[in-house]
Amino acid sequence: MAAPGFWNDADAAQKTVQALKGLRAVIDPAREIVRSLEDARMLADLAAEERDKAAFEQLARDLEAAGRQLGRLEFMALFWRPDDPKNCYFSVHAGAGGTESCDWVSMLLRMYTRYIERAGWTAAVIDSVGGEEAGLRSATLRVVGAYAFGYLSAEAGVHRLVRISPFDAAARRHTSFASVDCLPEMEDAGDVEIAEEDLKIDFFRAGGAGGQHVNKTSSAVRLTHVPTGIVVQCQNERSQHQNRAIAMEMLRAKLKRLQEARRDKEIAKLYGQKGDIAWGNQIRSYVLQPYTLVKDHRTGCETAKVQDVLDGEIEAFIEAELHRRAAARSEAM
């Protein structure tokens, strides 16, 4: 990074810095474990030589800490896919349930935003579509951070909510659905080429945050890839050109994923079509009534602390799914 001209190309420099962060996320803990074990060996020699009880107690604490560090390093080995260290585009879409599902999208977006903040990553809204009465029909975030895709891809699927509806005057119990999708940010989409004649391009006025400018110009962009039916859109940036560039990047990422799914059955299993955003396809259920429970149907991981989960404490669910994937891969190999 200190090399002359490194920062002349800001985009390339940022990609290099991000890649470096991903490598350091593995290398730095490994070096720390080596240093800890070297210090522990010296302390063990000293404790044995002087028969120092306090030194032996400190040695036990140091070895326990090194064990935790090693466990964390072993956990990083679960990220075996080339795209795992990358930034990502993270989307939530309303499904069956009407206004209830739009409100559920808002709840999930808050949950993931809090998780992202706790992970030390950053997130920016790329696109959002409001619900007719409340909440959001959909929202897409660009998440920047080491292994953001590796972690958040574990959340892809249909999420089900059961609660007493705040929109029902009779206070009846309702079931809502929303789907989550996650795409890696592609620095290089390889051989993904998109012919202009295969694109349908729509421009429209953006809504939401952004000041008066978004309402005065048709800066938002929607791209439809006609051969596959894939649709992406972006309205976060002020200019039509910037929004189109981001939308094209998302489209290339989706097309690359589709190509990989066709080549690799395991990827197809992990990333393939999730089916209808409705009953029978959920990966996780969040029950607020008549009891409280969050349960992941893939792993069996569950907790009664629903509010903690909705406040972003979802690490246990993500880690359980990553371990399940690794076990499935080992069996397949």
Foldseek 3Di string as FASTA:
>chain_A
DPDPPLCVPVVVNVVVVLVVQQVCVQVVLVVVLVVLVVVLVVLVVVCVVVVDPVSVVVSVVSVVVSVVSVVVNVLVVLQPDPLQFFWKKKKKAWAPDAPVSQVVSVLVVLQACLQLVVVVKDKDWFAWAHGPPGHTRMTIITIGDTRNQVQCLLQFWKEKEWAQDPVDPVRDIDITIMGMHMFGQDPDLPPDDADPVQKDKDFAQGDDDDPPLSRPDRQKIWIARNVVRDIDIGSRDSHNVVRVVVRVRVVSRVVSLVVVVVVDVLSCVSHNDQPHRDPPRGQWYAYPPPAGKIAGPVQRDMDRPRVVSSNHPCVVSSSSSSVVSVVVVVVVD
